[in-house]
Protein backbone atom coordinates (compact mmCIF):
# COMPACT_ATOMS: atom_id res chain seq x y z
CA MET A 1 -0.18 0.00 0.12
CA THR A 2 1.19 3.37 -1.21
CA HIS A 3 1.78 5.25 2.07
CA ALA A 4 0.34 8.72 2.37
CA LEU A 5 2.38 11.73 3.66
CA GLY A 6 2.31 12.79 6.93
CA PHE A 7 -1.70 12.52 8.89
CA LEU A 8 -3.51 13.00 5.07
CA ALA A 9 -4.57 9.43 5.38
CA LEU A 10 -4.88 6.63 7.72
CA THR A 11 -2.78 4.19 6.00
CA ASN A 12 -2.65 1.38 9.92
CA ARG A 13 -3.11 1.39 13.68
CA TYR A 14 -1.73 -1.30 15.38
CA VAL A 15 -3.03 -1.34 19.07
CA ILE A 16 -0.77 -3.00 22.13
CA LYS A 17 -2.88 -4.01 25.48
CA GLY A 18 -0.93 -5.50 27.97
CA VAL A 19 -0.10 -5.49 32.00
CA LEU A 20 2.34 -3.11 33.30
CA VAL A 21 3.78 -4.94 36.61
CA SER A 22 6.14 -2.90 38.90
CA GLU A 23 9.18 -4.95 40.39
CA ALA A 24 9.95 -2.38 43.03
CA PRO A 25 8.02 0.03 45.40
CA LEU A 26 6.62 3.15 42.78
CA HIS A 27 6.46 6.85 43.39
CA VAL A 28 4.62 8.99 41.62
CA GLY A 29 4.51 12.25 42.98
CA GLY A 30 1.99 15.42 41.76
CA ALA A 31 -0.72 15.31 44.56
CA ALA A 32 -1.27 18.16 47.06
CA PRO A 33 0.01 17.11 50.69
CA ASP A 34 -2.31 14.98 52.70
CA ARG A 35 -2.86 14.56 56.54
CA ASP A 36 -0.84 10.99 55.59
CA SER A 37 1.96 11.82 54.05
CA ASP A 38 3.71 15.05 52.42
CA ALA A 39 4.06 13.41 49.10
CA PRO A 40 0.82 11.54 48.43
CA PHE A 41 0.90 8.89 45.46
CA LEU A 42 -0.58 10.45 42.01
CA ARG A 43 -4.62 9.62 41.77
CA ASP A 44 -7.55 10.75 40.45
CA SER A 45 -11.05 10.31 40.93
CA THR A 46 -10.67 6.65 39.49
CA GLY A 47 -7.95 5.71 42.07
CA PRO A 48 -4.03 5.57 41.82
CA TYR A 49 -1.78 6.19 38.07
CA ILE A 50 0.88 6.31 36.06
CA PRO A 51 0.12 9.00 33.43
CA GLY A 52 1.01 8.24 30.05
CA SER A 53 3.07 11.21 29.77
CA SER A 54 5.79 9.73 32.54
CA LEU A 55 6.00 6.51 30.36
CA ARG A 56 6.38 8.28 27.27
CA GLY A 57 9.26 10.38 28.03
CA VAL A 58 11.01 7.43 29.71
CA LEU A 59 10.47 5.72 26.27
CA ARG A 60 11.68 7.90 24.30
CA SER A 61 14.82 9.25 26.71
CA SER A 62 16.01 5.19 26.78
CA LEU A 63 15.01 5.15 22.72
CA GLU A 64 17.25 8.34 22.13
CA ARG A 65 19.76 6.67 24.11
CA ILE A 66 20.26 3.50 22.39
CA LEU A 67 20.16 5.08 18.85
CA GLN A 68 22.64 7.68 20.07
CA SER A 69 25.33 4.74 21.19
CA LEU A 70 24.07 2.91 17.39
CA GLY A 71 25.63 6.30 15.21
CA GLY A 72 24.83 6.57 12.00
CA GLY A 73 22.24 10.12 12.80
CA ARG A 74 19.26 8.04 13.29
CA GLY A 75 17.88 9.65 16.28
CA CYS A 76 18.21 13.49 17.95
CA VAL A 77 17.80 13.65 21.91
CA LEU A 78 15.43 16.38 22.39
CA PHE A 79 16.22 20.58 23.19
CA VAL A 80 19.87 18.71 22.98
CA GLN A 81 21.88 20.79 19.93
CA GLY A 82 24.15 19.42 18.05
CA SER A 83 22.80 15.53 18.81
CA ARG A 84 21.56 14.96 14.99
CA THR A 85 23.06 17.16 12.42
CA ARG A 86 19.78 16.90 10.09
CA CYS A 87 16.79 17.07 12.58
CA LEU A 88 14.85 20.03 12.33
CA THR A 89 13.41 19.58 15.72
CA ASP A 90 17.34 21.39 16.39
CA GLU A 91 16.77 25.14 16.30
CA ALA A 92 19.83 25.45 15.07
CA ASN A 93 19.18 23.45 12.45
CA LEU A 94 15.68 24.71 11.99
CA LYS A 95 17.54 28.56 11.41
CA LYS A 96 19.84 26.99 9.40
CA PHE A 97 17.21 25.42 6.65
CA LYS A 98 15.05 28.49 7.25
CA GLU A 99 18.28 31.27 6.51
CA ALA A 100 18.62 28.68 3.28
CA HIS A 101 15.38 28.61 2.10
CA LYS A 102 14.79 32.51 3.11
CA GLY A 103 11.11 33.72 1.97
CA SER A 104 7.79 35.18 2.84
CA ASP A 105 6.74 33.39 6.31
CA ALA A 106 4.31 31.41 4.44
CA GLU A 107 7.03 29.99 2.02
CA GLU A 108 9.33 29.28 4.90
CA ALA A 109 6.66 27.47 6.84
CA GLU A 110 5.74 25.34 3.90
CA ALA A 111 9.66 24.71 2.91
CA VAL A 112 9.37 23.24 6.50
CA ARG A 113 6.56 21.28 6.16
CA ARG A 114 7.79 19.81 3.02
CA GLU A 115 11.38 19.19 4.78
CA VAL A 116 9.63 17.18 7.97
CA LEU A 117 7.53 15.24 5.58
CA ASN A 118 10.33 13.94 3.39
CA GLY A 119 12.78 12.99 6.50
CA GLY A 120 13.35 16.28 7.42
CA VAL A 121 13.00 14.80 11.20
CA CYS A 122 14.95 12.00 13.10
CA ASP A 123 13.72 8.31 13.46
CA VAL A 124 12.63 8.89 17.10
CA CYS A 125 11.15 12.57 16.42
CA SER A 126 9.15 10.90 13.91
CA LEU A 127 7.65 8.29 15.84
CA PHE A 128 6.96 10.28 19.17
CA GLY A 129 6.35 13.43 17.70
CA SER A 130 8.26 17.08 18.60
CA PRO A 131 7.19 21.05 18.05
CA LEU A 132 7.30 20.38 14.17
CA VAL A 133 5.52 16.95 13.56
CA ALA A 134 2.38 15.05 15.41
CA SER A 135 3.16 11.83 17.38
CA LYS A 136 2.52 8.35 15.95
CA LEU A 137 2.37 6.72 18.78
CA ARG A 138 0.10 7.15 22.03
CA LEU A 139 0.14 5.83 25.30
CA ASP A 140 -2.72 5.87 27.91
CA ASP A 141 -2.51 6.60 31.47
CA CYS A 142 -1.40 3.39 33.40
CA ARG A 143 -4.58 2.25 35.66
CA LEU A 144 -3.52 -0.21 38.99
CA GLN A 145 -5.44 -3.09 38.02
CA THR A 146 -4.41 -4.77 41.83
CA PRO A 147 -5.85 -3.97 45.70
CA GLU A 148 -3.99 -0.27 46.51
CA ARG A 149 -1.12 -1.32 49.13
CA PHE A 150 0.58 1.53 49.85
CA THR A 151 2.92 1.99 53.16
CA ILE A 152 4.30 5.79 54.55
CA ARG A 153 8.41 5.65 53.86
CA ASP A 154 10.55 8.38 55.53
CA GLY A 155 13.30 10.42 54.14
CA VAL A 156 15.69 13.55 55.33
CA GLY A 157 17.34 16.57 53.31
CA ILE A 158 21.26 15.89 52.95
CA ASP A 159 23.34 18.41 53.08
CA ARG A 160 25.61 18.70 50.05
CA ASP A 161 28.75 20.08 52.32
CA THR A 162 28.78 18.00 55.21
CA GLU A 163 26.96 14.35 53.02
CA SER A 164 24.61 14.15 56.34
CA ALA A 165 21.30 14.58 57.45
CA ARG A 166 20.24 18.48 57.80
CA ASP A 167 18.08 19.34 60.84
CA LYS A 168 14.25 19.70 60.55
CA LEU A 169 14.51 18.46 56.89
CA LYS A 170 12.51 14.84 57.60
CA PHE A 171 9.91 14.63 55.20
CA ASN A 172 7.52 11.45 54.12
CA PHE A 173 5.65 10.11 50.74
CA GLN A 174 3.46 7.53 49.92
CA ALA A 175 4.96 4.02 48.18
CA LEU A 176 2.66 1.87 46.23
CA GLU A 177 3.97 -1.96 47.12
CA SER A 178 5.98 -4.13 44.44
CA GLY A 179 3.46 -6.52 42.66
CA ALA A 180 1.20 -3.70 41.60
CA GLN A 181 -0.73 -4.38 38.34
CA PHE A 182 -1.33 -1.91 35.63
CA SER A 183 -3.36 -1.45 32.85
CA PHE A 184 -1.09 -0.90 29.44
CA PHE A 185 -2.09 0.70 25.94
CA MET A 186 -0.28 1.67 23.20
CA GLN A 187 -1.23 2.65 19.56
CA VAL A 188 0.74 3.52 16.97
CA GLU A 189 -0.98 4.72 13.48
CA ASN A 190 0.94 5.32 10.14
CA ALA A 191 3.82 3.52 10.68
CA GLY A 192 6.52 2.33 8.74
CA PRO A 193 9.02 0.59 8.92
CA THR A 194 11.78 2.43 10.67
CA ASP A 195 8.90 2.81 13.07
CA PHE A 196 8.25 -1.54 13.07
CA ALA A 197 11.95 -1.28 14.21
CA LEU A 198 11.67 1.24 17.05
CA LEU A 199 9.01 -0.58 18.26
CA ALA A 200 10.87 -3.87 18.96
CA ILE A 201 13.31 -2.27 20.86
CA LEU A 202 10.70 -0.13 22.77
CA LEU A 203 8.94 -3.29 23.62
CA GLY A 204 12.04 -5.26 24.41
CA GLU A 205 12.83 -2.83 27.03
CA LEU A 206 9.68 -2.97 28.23
CA THR A 207 9.45 -6.84 28.89
CA GLY A 208 13.05 -7.63 28.95
CA PRO A 209 15.21 -5.45 31.75
CA GLY A 210 12.09 -3.06 31.77
CA ILE A 211 12.02 0.90 32.61
CA ASP A 212 12.41 3.38 35.81
CA VAL A 213 9.36 5.10 36.03
CA GLY A 214 8.41 7.88 38.71
CA GLY A 215 10.57 9.03 41.29
CA LYS A 216 13.03 8.02 44.44
CA LYS A 217 14.88 5.59 41.71
CA SER A 218 18.43 6.79 43.65
CA ARG A 219 16.44 4.54 46.08
CA GLY A 220 15.90 1.71 43.94
CA PHE A 221 12.29 2.68 43.26
CA GLY A 222 10.28 2.90 40.13
CA ARG A 223 11.08 -0.31 37.59
CA VAL A 224 8.01 -1.54 35.57
CA LYS A 225 8.36 -4.39 33.38
CA LEU A 226 5.48 -5.39 30.45
CA LYS A 227 4.29 -8.84 30.93
CA SER A 228 5.23 -10.81 27.47
CA ASP A 229 2.00 -11.62 26.81
CA TYR A 230 0.49 -8.68 25.49
CA ASP A 231 -2.29 -8.60 22.46
CA VAL A 232 -1.85 -7.18 19.51
CA MET A 233 -5.21 -5.68 17.47
CA TYR A 234 -4.78 -4.10 13.69
CA PHE A 235 -5.21 -3.10 10.36
CA ASP A 236 -3.38 -2.55 7.44
CA ASP A 237 -6.11 -2.36 4.86
CA ILE A 238 -8.86 0.32 5.60
CA ARG A 239 -11.40 -1.35 3.75
CA LYS A 240 -11.19 -4.45 5.64
CA PHE A 241 -11.03 -2.31 8.83
CA LEU A 242 -13.75 -0.70 7.82
CA ALA A 243 -15.81 -3.51 7.25
CA ASP A 244 -14.41 -5.69 9.89
CA GLY A 245 -13.02 -3.77 12.42
CA LEU A 246 -9.31 -4.79 13.98
CA GLN A 247 -8.16 -8.09 13.77
CA ALA A 248 -5.92 -10.09 16.20
CA GLY A 249 -2.46 -10.54 15.17
CA THR A 250 0.17 -10.60 18.11
CA LYS A 251 2.79 -12.89 16.27
CA ALA A 252 2.82 -11.64 12.86
CA PHE A 253 3.62 -8.28 14.83
CA GLN A 254 6.34 -9.70 16.78
CA GLN A 255 7.74 -11.43 13.86
CA LYS A 256 7.40 -8.13 11.73
CA ILE A 257 8.89 -5.95 14.28
CA GLN A 258 11.46 -8.12 14.49
CA ALA A 259 12.58 -8.55 11.03
CA GLU A 260 12.54 -4.71 11.02
CA LEU A 261 14.74 -4.19 13.28
CA THR A 262 17.12 -7.10 12.34
CA GLN A 263 17.24 -5.07 8.67
CA TYR A 264 17.24 -1.32 10.61
CA LEU A 265 20.56 -3.14 12.13
CA LYS A 266 22.18 -3.66 9.06
CA GLU A 267 21.79 -0.35 7.69
CA GLN A 268 24.35 2.47 7.97
CA PRO A 269 22.29 6.08 8.00
CA HIS A 270 24.26 8.91 6.63
CA ALA A 271 23.50 12.32 8.60
CA ALA A 272 23.11 14.91 5.79
CA ALA A 273 24.03 18.80 6.46
CA ILE A 274 20.92 20.92 6.48
CA GLY A 275 21.03 23.19 3.72
């Protein structure tokens, strides 16, 4: 199937549902102090949760580091100038590109749009999005699925000069004990070969070593892993989708992303300069 540029057409959709399990205590802050704790676990009217934005940020950061290690200008580091010579998300690259295509505001905007749609952003920004391009990836908030098992942990402020506890800086925070299970929902639209390769890396991190979310990571908090028996529903034929809806395809999806990752690792991309 021919893929339309950007989001002018919906060419495919992959929905991944599973269970995220905490292998260490968790503290996801952001709630105002209450009578029980100086820093309660984040919750809303339906209960405790891990924000999808937090999970998304950790996954993006992990992918950025991996692609920087692979080299070849595959991905930039968001808001870090010079981490990739081509990606227009880098403000220095964007400025240089606009200078090379100087014209009216409308003409410059159109030149940027065309460049973005034709490889002007790196692999990470193409999947996760940036100020210049919409994201293909959606992550819902992860809702607690098991009974709440919270404890109150104590902490103290450390004097950086003496490396000892400072007087009157004792505090406590609410921690969710390990073994908690959360819902996991990821959706990807208009994915291409490179996106599938990056999904293989992300799901490998989630189901393998896991990732760290929330606060208190230096205390060993935050490690979560995705159960390997996740389910995938998808379509890659819009007519079939409109007639029959999404179809199950976990095994086929896993084979596809692994094949695309193998090919991706064989490639030796060269980062072209903007101009």
